[in-house]
Amino acid sequence: MSFSALAARYARFTPSRQHVALPLLIMGVLYWLSAVPGTPLADDPALYAVFYWMPPSVQNVLHVPAYAALALAWCWALGAWLRVPVARAIGACVVASAYGVLDEWHQSFVPGRYASLTDVTLDVAGALLGIGLATWIGSRARTLEPHTGAGVEDRG
């Protein structure tokens, strides 16, 4: 499916209050990921092994797309309450960035993990990227909306 087709679908899709479940789900996943201990423990689930093998530099880089997805999801979900695109963008960026700060604070209590200003910076950068994507997709969707043809005479 082309981007134009996706943007056209986005233009027809109106968010409702139930759509807040998507950003909350993303936040839950991020919380779970930040609760993974920094060093392997004897009773850790096997799934944690994936995170222990991943270099810290890769883990840091993944903050950007994770928080971009979170901000994009909040921007979409907030459409049920906020009709002004700028208000949605600011609200989504504030919520995603604030969650990044709170998640880093939470991570400081996890054994073998610590809070990092670099991670918070990457979280905010990801949130800004997500808002940029939401704005770009929204502008593309508005330019692709079908015209009703009102006021155009049929000259055939």
N, C-alpha and C. Protein backbone atom coordinates (compact mmCIF):
# COMPACT_ATOMS: atom_id res chain seq x y z
N MET A 1 0.84 -1.16 0.00
CA MET A 1 0.00 0.00 0.00
C MET A 1 0.90 1.23 0.00
N SER A 2 0.56 2.20 -0.82
CA SER A 2 1.38 3.40 -0.94
C SER A 2 1.13 4.35 0.23
N PHE A 3 2.05 5.27 0.39
CA PHE A 3 1.90 6.25 1.47
C PHE A 3 0.68 7.11 1.24
N SER A 4 0.40 7.44 -0.03
CA SER A 4 -0.77 8.27 -0.33
C SER A 4 -2.06 7.59 0.12
N ALA A 5 -2.14 6.27 -0.10
CA ALA A 5 -3.32 5.53 0.32
C ALA A 5 -3.44 5.51 1.84
N LEU A 6 -2.30 5.34 2.54
CA LEU A 6 -2.31 5.36 4.00
C LEU A 6 -2.73 6.73 4.53
N ALA A 7 -2.21 7.78 3.92
CA ALA A 7 -2.57 9.13 4.36
C ALA A 7 -4.05 9.41 4.12
N ALA A 8 -4.59 8.92 3.01
CA ALA A 8 -6.01 9.10 2.73
C ALA A 8 -6.86 8.37 3.77
N ARG A 9 -6.44 7.17 4.17
CA ARG A 9 -7.15 6.43 5.23
C ARG A 9 -7.09 7.20 6.54
N TYR A 10 -5.93 7.76 6.85
CA TYR A 10 -5.75 8.53 8.08
C TYR A 10 -6.72 9.70 8.12
N ALA A 11 -6.94 10.35 6.97
CA ALA A 11 -7.82 11.51 6.92
C ALA A 11 -9.26 11.12 7.25
N ARG A 12 -9.67 9.89 6.93
CA ARG A 12 -11.04 9.44 7.19
C ARG A 12 -11.21 8.84 8.57
N PHE A 13 -10.12 8.58 9.28
CA PHE A 13 -10.18 7.88 10.55
C PHE A 13 -10.23 8.89 11.69
N THR A 14 -11.35 8.98 12.37
CA THR A 14 -11.52 9.92 13.46
C THR A 14 -11.24 9.22 14.78
N PRO A 15 -10.31 9.76 15.57
CA PRO A 15 -10.02 9.12 16.85
C PRO A 15 -11.17 9.29 17.83
N SER A 16 -11.35 8.30 18.67
CA SER A 16 -12.34 8.38 19.74
C SER A 16 -11.61 8.24 21.07
N ARG A 17 -12.34 8.42 22.14
CA ARG A 17 -11.72 8.38 23.46
C ARG A 17 -11.15 7.01 23.80
N GLN A 18 -11.65 5.95 23.19
CA GLN A 18 -11.12 4.62 23.45
C GLN A 18 -9.73 4.42 22.85
N HIS A 19 -9.36 5.25 21.90
CA HIS A 19 -8.07 5.10 21.24
C HIS A 19 -6.89 5.49 22.14
N VAL A 20 -7.19 5.99 23.33
CA VAL A 20 -6.13 6.28 24.29
C VAL A 20 -5.46 4.98 24.74
N ALA A 21 -6.10 3.86 24.45
CA ALA A 21 -5.53 2.55 24.83
C ALA A 21 -4.19 2.30 24.12
N LEU A 22 -4.03 2.76 22.89
CA LEU A 22 -2.78 2.52 22.16
C LEU A 22 -1.58 3.19 22.83
N PRO A 23 -1.63 4.51 23.11
CA PRO A 23 -0.46 5.08 23.79
C PRO A 23 -0.25 4.52 25.20
N LEU A 24 -1.33 4.16 25.88
CA LEU A 24 -1.17 3.55 27.20
C LEU A 24 -0.52 2.18 27.10
N LEU A 25 -0.84 1.43 26.06
CA LEU A 25 -0.19 0.14 25.83
C LEU A 25 1.30 0.33 25.56
N ILE A 26 1.64 1.31 24.73
CA ILE A 26 3.05 1.59 24.45
C ILE A 26 3.77 1.98 25.73
N MET A 27 3.13 2.79 26.56
CA MET A 27 3.73 3.18 27.83
C MET A 27 3.95 1.97 28.74
N GLY A 28 3.00 1.05 28.73
CA GLY A 28 3.15 -0.17 29.53
C GLY A 28 4.32 -1.01 29.06
N VAL A 29 4.48 -1.12 27.75
CA VAL A 29 5.62 -1.88 27.20
C VAL A 29 6.94 -1.21 27.57
N LEU A 30 6.99 0.11 27.45
CA LEU A 30 8.21 0.84 27.82
C LEU A 30 8.52 0.69 29.30
N TYR A 31 7.49 0.69 30.14
CA TYR A 31 7.68 0.49 31.57
C TYR A 31 8.25 -0.90 31.84
N TRP A 32 7.69 -1.90 31.16
CA TRP A 32 8.17 -3.28 31.33
C TRP A 32 9.63 -3.39 30.89
N LEU A 33 9.96 -2.76 29.76
CA LEU A 33 11.34 -2.82 29.27
C LEU A 33 12.31 -2.14 30.22
N SER A 34 11.88 -1.04 30.83
CA SER A 34 12.79 -0.35 31.75
C SER A 34 12.89 -1.08 33.09
N ALA A 35 12.02 -2.05 33.33
CA ALA A 35 12.08 -2.83 34.56
C ALA A 35 12.96 -4.07 34.43
N VAL A 36 13.49 -4.31 33.22
CA VAL A 36 14.41 -5.44 33.03
C VAL A 36 15.71 -5.11 33.77
N PRO A 37 16.15 -5.98 34.67
CA PRO A 37 17.39 -5.70 35.42
C PRO A 37 18.59 -5.53 34.49
N GLY A 38 19.54 -4.72 34.92
CA GLY A 38 20.73 -4.45 34.12
C GLY A 38 21.69 -5.61 34.07
N THR A 39 21.66 -6.46 35.06
CA THR A 39 22.52 -7.64 35.09
C THR A 39 21.64 -8.88 35.24
N PRO A 40 22.01 -9.97 34.58
CA PRO A 40 21.18 -11.17 34.67
C PRO A 40 21.07 -11.70 36.10
N LEU A 41 19.87 -12.09 36.45
CA LEU A 41 19.62 -12.71 37.75
C LEU A 41 19.26 -14.17 37.50
N ALA A 42 19.43 -15.00 38.50
CA ALA A 42 19.21 -16.45 38.34
C ALA A 42 17.78 -16.79 37.95
N ASP A 43 16.81 -16.05 38.46
CA ASP A 43 15.41 -16.39 38.19
C ASP A 43 14.77 -15.55 37.09
N ASP A 44 15.59 -14.89 36.26
CA ASP A 44 15.06 -14.08 35.15
C ASP A 44 14.41 -14.96 34.09
N PRO A 45 13.32 -14.46 33.47
CA PRO A 45 12.74 -15.20 32.35
C PRO A 45 13.73 -15.26 31.18
N ALA A 46 13.59 -16.27 30.35
CA ALA A 46 14.49 -16.45 29.20
C ALA A 46 14.39 -15.28 28.23
N LEU A 47 13.23 -14.62 28.19
CA LEU A 47 13.04 -13.49 27.27
C LEU A 47 14.02 -12.35 27.57
N TYR A 48 14.42 -12.19 28.82
CA TYR A 48 15.35 -11.13 29.19
C TYR A 48 16.71 -11.31 28.53
N ALA A 49 17.06 -12.53 28.15
CA ALA A 49 18.37 -12.79 27.55
C ALA A 49 18.59 -11.95 26.30
N VAL A 50 17.52 -11.68 25.56
CA VAL A 50 17.62 -10.86 24.35
C VAL A 50 18.17 -9.49 24.71
N PHE A 51 17.72 -8.94 25.82
CA PHE A 51 18.15 -7.61 26.22
C PHE A 51 19.57 -7.59 26.76
N TYR A 52 20.00 -8.69 27.33
CA TYR A 52 21.36 -8.74 27.85
C TYR A 52 22.37 -8.85 26.71
N TRP A 53 21.99 -9.42 25.60
CA TRP A 53 22.89 -9.54 24.46
C TRP A 53 22.97 -8.27 23.63
N MET A 54 21.99 -7.39 23.78
CA MET A 54 21.95 -6.16 22.99
C MET A 54 22.91 -5.13 23.59
N PRO A 55 23.83 -4.61 22.79
CA PRO A 55 24.77 -3.62 23.32
C PRO A 55 24.05 -2.37 23.82
N PRO A 56 24.57 -1.72 24.86
CA PRO A 56 23.94 -0.51 25.40
C PRO A 56 23.76 0.59 24.36
N SER A 57 24.69 0.71 23.42
CA SER A 57 24.55 1.75 22.40
C SER A 57 23.31 1.52 21.54
N VAL A 58 23.00 0.26 21.23
CA VAL A 58 21.80 -0.05 20.46
C VAL A 58 20.56 0.24 21.31
N GLN A 59 20.62 -0.12 22.58
CA GLN A 59 19.50 0.17 23.49
C GLN A 59 19.24 1.67 23.55
N ASN A 60 20.29 2.47 23.59
CA ASN A 60 20.13 3.92 23.63
C ASN A 60 19.48 4.44 22.36
N VAL A 61 19.92 3.96 21.22
CA VAL A 61 19.38 4.43 19.94
C VAL A 61 17.89 4.07 19.82
N LEU A 62 17.49 2.97 20.41
CA LEU A 62 16.09 2.54 20.32
C LEU A 62 15.13 3.45 21.10
N HIS A 63 15.67 4.32 21.95
CA HIS A 63 14.81 5.29 22.64
C HIS A 63 14.11 6.20 21.63
N VAL A 64 14.79 6.57 20.56
CA VAL A 64 14.24 7.52 19.60
C VAL A 64 12.99 6.95 18.91
N PRO A 65 13.05 5.79 18.25
CA PRO A 65 11.82 5.30 17.61
C PRO A 65 10.73 4.93 18.62
N ALA A 66 11.12 4.48 19.81
CA ALA A 66 10.11 4.11 20.82
C ALA A 66 9.31 5.34 21.25
N TYR A 67 9.98 6.43 21.53
CA TYR A 67 9.28 7.63 21.97
C TYR A 67 8.65 8.39 20.80
N ALA A 68 9.16 8.19 19.59
CA ALA A 68 8.47 8.74 18.41
C ALA A 68 7.12 8.04 18.25
N ALA A 69 7.11 6.73 18.41
CA ALA A 69 5.84 5.98 18.32
C ALA A 69 4.88 6.41 19.43
N LEU A 70 5.41 6.63 20.63
CA LEU A 70 4.56 7.06 21.74
C LEU A 70 3.95 8.43 21.45
N ALA A 71 4.75 9.38 21.01
CA ALA A 71 4.24 10.73 20.71
C ALA A 71 3.25 10.70 19.56
N LEU A 72 3.53 9.91 18.54
CA LEU A 72 2.62 9.77 17.41
C LEU A 72 1.28 9.19 17.88
N ALA A 73 1.33 8.18 18.73
CA ALA A 73 0.10 7.57 19.26
C ALA A 73 -0.68 8.56 20.12
N TRP A 74 0.02 9.32 20.95
CA TRP A 74 -0.67 10.32 21.77
C TRP A 74 -1.26 11.42 20.90
N CYS A 75 -0.56 11.83 19.87
CA CYS A 75 -1.06 12.88 18.98
C CYS A 75 -2.36 12.43 18.32
N TRP A 76 -2.40 11.18 17.91
CA TRP A 76 -3.61 10.62 17.29
C TRP A 76 -4.72 10.49 18.32
N ALA A 77 -4.42 9.95 19.50
CA ALA A 77 -5.44 9.73 20.53
C ALA A 77 -6.01 11.04 21.06
N LEU A 78 -5.17 12.05 21.20
CA LEU A 78 -5.65 13.33 21.72
C LEU A 78 -6.60 14.05 20.77
N GLY A 79 -6.67 13.57 19.53
CA GLY A 79 -7.60 14.14 18.56
C GLY A 79 -9.05 14.03 19.00
N ALA A 80 -9.35 13.10 19.91
CA ALA A 80 -10.72 12.96 20.42
C ALA A 80 -11.08 14.12 21.35
N TRP A 81 -10.07 14.75 21.96
CA TRP A 81 -10.33 15.84 22.90
C TRP A 81 -9.92 17.19 22.34
N LEU A 82 -8.84 17.23 21.60
CA LEU A 82 -8.29 18.49 21.10
C LEU A 82 -8.42 18.56 19.59
N ARG A 83 -9.15 19.52 19.09
CA ARG A 83 -9.35 19.64 17.64
C ARG A 83 -8.25 20.47 16.96
N VAL A 84 -7.57 21.30 17.72
CA VAL A 84 -6.52 22.15 17.15
C VAL A 84 -5.24 21.33 17.02
N PRO A 85 -4.71 21.17 15.80
CA PRO A 85 -3.51 20.34 15.61
C PRO A 85 -2.31 20.76 16.45
N VAL A 86 -2.12 22.05 16.64
CA VAL A 86 -0.97 22.53 17.42
C VAL A 86 -1.14 22.10 18.89
N ALA A 87 -2.35 22.19 19.41
CA ALA A 87 -2.60 21.78 20.80
C ALA A 87 -2.36 20.28 20.96
N ARG A 88 -2.79 19.49 19.97
CA ARG A 88 -2.55 18.04 20.01
C ARG A 88 -1.05 17.75 20.00
N ALA A 89 -0.33 18.44 19.13
CA ALA A 89 1.12 18.21 19.01
C ALA A 89 1.84 18.57 20.30
N ILE A 90 1.51 19.71 20.86
CA ILE A 90 2.16 20.14 22.10
C ILE A 90 1.80 19.17 23.23
N GLY A 91 0.52 18.83 23.33
CA GLY A 91 0.09 17.90 24.37
C GLY A 91 0.78 16.55 24.27
N ALA A 92 0.85 16.02 23.06
CA ALA A 92 1.49 14.72 22.84
C ALA A 92 2.98 14.77 23.17
N CYS A 93 3.62 15.85 22.78
CA CYS A 93 5.06 16.00 23.04
C CYS A 93 5.32 16.11 24.54
N VAL A 94 4.48 16.87 25.24
CA VAL A 94 4.65 17.03 26.69
C VAL A 94 4.43 15.70 27.40
N VAL A 95 3.35 14.98 27.03
CA VAL A 95 3.06 13.71 27.69
C VAL A 95 4.17 12.69 27.44
N ALA A 96 4.61 12.56 26.18
CA ALA A 96 5.66 11.59 25.84
C ALA A 96 6.98 11.95 26.52
N SER A 97 7.34 13.23 26.51
CA SER A 97 8.60 13.65 27.14
C SER A 97 8.54 13.48 28.65
N ALA A 98 7.43 13.85 29.26
CA ALA A 98 7.28 13.68 30.70
C ALA A 98 7.34 12.20 31.08
N TYR A 99 6.74 11.35 30.24
CA TYR A 99 6.81 9.93 30.52
C TYR A 99 8.25 9.43 30.42
N GLY A 100 9.02 9.98 29.49
CA GLY A 100 10.43 9.61 29.38
C GLY A 100 11.20 9.94 30.66
N VAL A 101 10.92 11.11 31.22
CA VAL A 101 11.57 11.50 32.48
C VAL A 101 11.15 10.57 33.61
N LEU A 102 9.85 10.32 33.72
CA LEU A 102 9.35 9.43 34.79
C LEU A 102 9.87 8.00 34.62
N ASP A 103 9.99 7.56 33.39
CA ASP A 103 10.48 6.21 33.16
C ASP A 103 11.96 6.08 33.52
N GLU A 104 12.72 7.12 33.26
CA GLU A 104 14.12 7.11 33.68
C GLU A 104 14.23 7.09 35.20
N TRP A 105 13.36 7.83 35.87
CA TRP A 105 13.35 7.83 37.33
C TRP A 105 13.01 6.43 37.84
N HIS A 106 11.99 5.80 37.21
CA HIS A 106 11.62 4.43 37.58
C HIS A 106 12.81 3.49 37.39
N GLN A 107 13.51 3.67 36.29
CA GLN A 107 14.64 2.80 35.95
C GLN A 107 15.76 2.91 36.98
N SER A 108 15.85 4.05 37.66
CA SER A 108 16.91 4.23 38.66
C SER A 108 16.73 3.30 39.87
N PHE A 109 15.55 2.72 40.03
CA PHE A 109 15.29 1.81 41.14
C PHE A 109 15.44 0.34 40.74
N VAL A 110 15.72 0.09 39.48
CA VAL A 110 15.86 -1.29 38.99
C VAL A 110 17.29 -1.74 39.19
N PRO A 111 17.51 -2.95 39.75
CA PRO A 111 18.88 -3.43 39.99
C PRO A 111 19.72 -3.45 38.70
N GLY A 112 20.89 -2.87 38.78
CA GLY A 112 21.80 -2.86 37.64
C GLY A 112 21.49 -1.81 36.59
N ARG A 113 20.48 -0.97 36.81
CA ARG A 113 20.11 0.09 35.86
C ARG A 113 20.30 1.43 36.53
N TYR A 114 20.34 2.48 35.74
CA TYR A 114 20.49 3.82 36.28
C TYR A 114 19.78 4.80 35.37
N ALA A 115 19.46 5.95 35.90
CA ALA A 115 18.84 7.02 35.12
C ALA A 115 19.93 7.77 34.37
N SER A 116 19.61 8.24 33.18
CA SER A 116 20.61 8.89 32.35
C SER A 116 20.00 10.11 31.65
N LEU A 117 20.71 11.22 31.71
CA LEU A 117 20.28 12.42 31.01
C LEU A 117 20.32 12.19 29.49
N THR A 118 21.26 11.38 29.04
CA THR A 118 21.34 11.04 27.62
C THR A 118 20.06 10.34 27.17
N ASP A 119 19.57 9.40 27.99
CA ASP A 119 18.33 8.70 27.64
C ASP A 119 17.15 9.65 27.60
N VAL A 120 17.08 10.58 28.54
CA VAL A 120 15.99 11.56 28.54
C VAL A 120 16.07 12.43 27.29
N THR A 121 17.27 12.83 26.91
CA THR A 121 17.46 13.62 25.69
C THR A 121 17.01 12.84 24.47
N LEU A 122 17.35 11.56 24.41
CA LEU A 122 16.92 10.73 23.28
C LEU A 122 15.40 10.52 23.30
N ASP A 123 14.80 10.43 24.47
CA ASP A 123 13.35 10.32 24.58
C ASP A 123 12.66 11.57 24.03
N VAL A 124 13.16 12.73 24.41
CA VAL A 124 12.58 13.99 23.94
C VAL A 124 12.80 14.13 22.43
N ALA A 125 13.98 13.75 21.95
CA ALA A 125 14.23 13.81 20.50
C ALA A 125 13.27 12.88 19.76
N GLY A 126 13.02 11.71 20.31
CA GLY A 126 12.07 10.79 19.70
C GLY A 126 10.66 11.36 19.71
N ALA A 127 10.27 11.99 20.82
CA ALA A 127 8.94 12.61 20.90
C ALA A 127 8.80 13.70 19.84
N LEU A 128 9.84 14.51 19.69
CA LEU A 128 9.80 15.56 18.66
C LEU A 128 9.73 14.97 17.25
N LEU A 129 10.45 13.88 17.03
CA LEU A 129 10.38 13.20 15.74
C LEU A 129 8.97 12.67 15.49
N GLY A 130 8.36 12.09 16.52
CA GLY A 130 6.99 11.58 16.38
C GLY A 130 6.00 12.68 16.06
N ILE A 131 6.16 13.84 16.69
CA ILE A 131 5.28 14.98 16.42
C ILE A 131 5.50 15.47 15.00
N GLY A 132 6.76 15.50 14.58
CA GLY A 132 7.05 15.88 13.19
C GLY A 132 6.39 14.93 12.20
N LEU A 133 6.47 13.64 12.49
CA LEU A 133 5.82 12.65 11.62
C LEU A 133 4.30 12.83 11.62
N ALA A 134 3.73 13.04 12.80
CA ALA A 134 2.27 13.22 12.89
C ALA A 134 1.85 14.46 12.11
N THR A 135 2.62 15.52 12.21
CA THR A 135 2.30 16.75 11.49
C THR A 135 2.41 16.53 9.98
N TRP A 136 3.45 15.84 9.57
CA TRP A 136 3.65 15.59 8.15
C TRP A 136 2.56 14.69 7.59
N ILE A 137 2.24 13.62 8.31
CA ILE A 137 1.17 12.72 7.86
C ILE A 137 -0.15 13.46 7.81
N GLY A 138 -0.42 14.27 8.84
CA GLY A 138 -1.67 15.03 8.86
C GLY A 138 -1.77 16.01 7.71
N SER A 139 -0.67 16.68 7.38
CA SER A 139 -0.70 17.63 6.27
C SER A 139 -0.88 16.91 4.93
N ARG A 140 -0.24 15.75 4.79
CA ARG A 140 -0.41 14.94 3.57
C ARG A 140 -1.85 14.45 3.47
N ALA A 141 -2.42 14.05 4.59
CA ALA A 141 -3.79 13.55 4.58
C ALA A 141 -4.76 14.65 4.18
N ARG A 142 -4.53 15.88 4.67
CA ARG A 142 -5.43 16.99 4.33
C ARG A 142 -5.33 17.34 2.85
N THR A 143 -4.14 17.23 2.26
CA THR A 143 -4.01 17.55 0.83
C THR A 143 -4.60 16.47 -0.05
N LEU A 144 -4.77 15.26 0.49
CA LEU A 144 -5.32 14.16 -0.29
C LEU A 144 -6.82 13.96 -0.09
N GLU A 145 -7.44 14.78 0.77
CA GLU A 145 -8.88 14.63 0.99
C GLU A 145 -9.61 14.89 -0.31
N PRO A 146 -10.64 14.08 -0.59
CA PRO A 146 -11.38 14.28 -1.84
C PRO A 146 -12.15 15.59 -1.80
N HIS A 147 -12.17 16.27 -2.92
CA HIS A 147 -12.91 17.51 -3.04
C HIS A 147 -14.35 17.18 -3.38
N THR A 148 -15.27 17.92 -2.81
CA THR A 148 -16.69 17.64 -3.02
C THR A 148 -17.18 18.18 -4.36
N GLY A 149 -16.49 19.14 -4.89
CA GLY A 149 -16.89 19.70 -6.18
C GLY A 149 -17.99 20.74 -6.02
N ALA A 150 -18.28 21.16 -4.81
CA ALA A 150 -19.33 22.14 -4.58
C ALA A 150 -18.93 23.45 -5.25
N GLY A 151 -19.87 24.04 -5.95
CA GLY A 151 -19.63 25.31 -6.61
C GLY A 151 -18.99 25.16 -7.98
N VAL A 152 -18.76 23.96 -8.45
CA VAL A 152 -18.17 23.75 -9.76
C VAL A 152 -19.29 23.34 -10.70
N GLU A 153 -19.41 24.07 -11.78
CA GLU A 153 -20.46 23.76 -12.74
C GLU A 153 -20.03 22.66 -13.67
N ASP A 154 -20.99 21.85 -14.08
CA ASP A 154 -20.74 20.80 -15.05
C ASP A 154 -20.85 21.40 -16.44
N ARG A 155 -19.76 21.41 -17.18
CA ARG A 155 -19.75 22.05 -18.51
C ARG A 155 -19.82 21.02 -19.60
N GLY A 156 -20.38 19.87 -19.32
CA GLY A 156 -20.41 18.81 -20.32
C GLY A 156 -21.63 18.71 -21.05
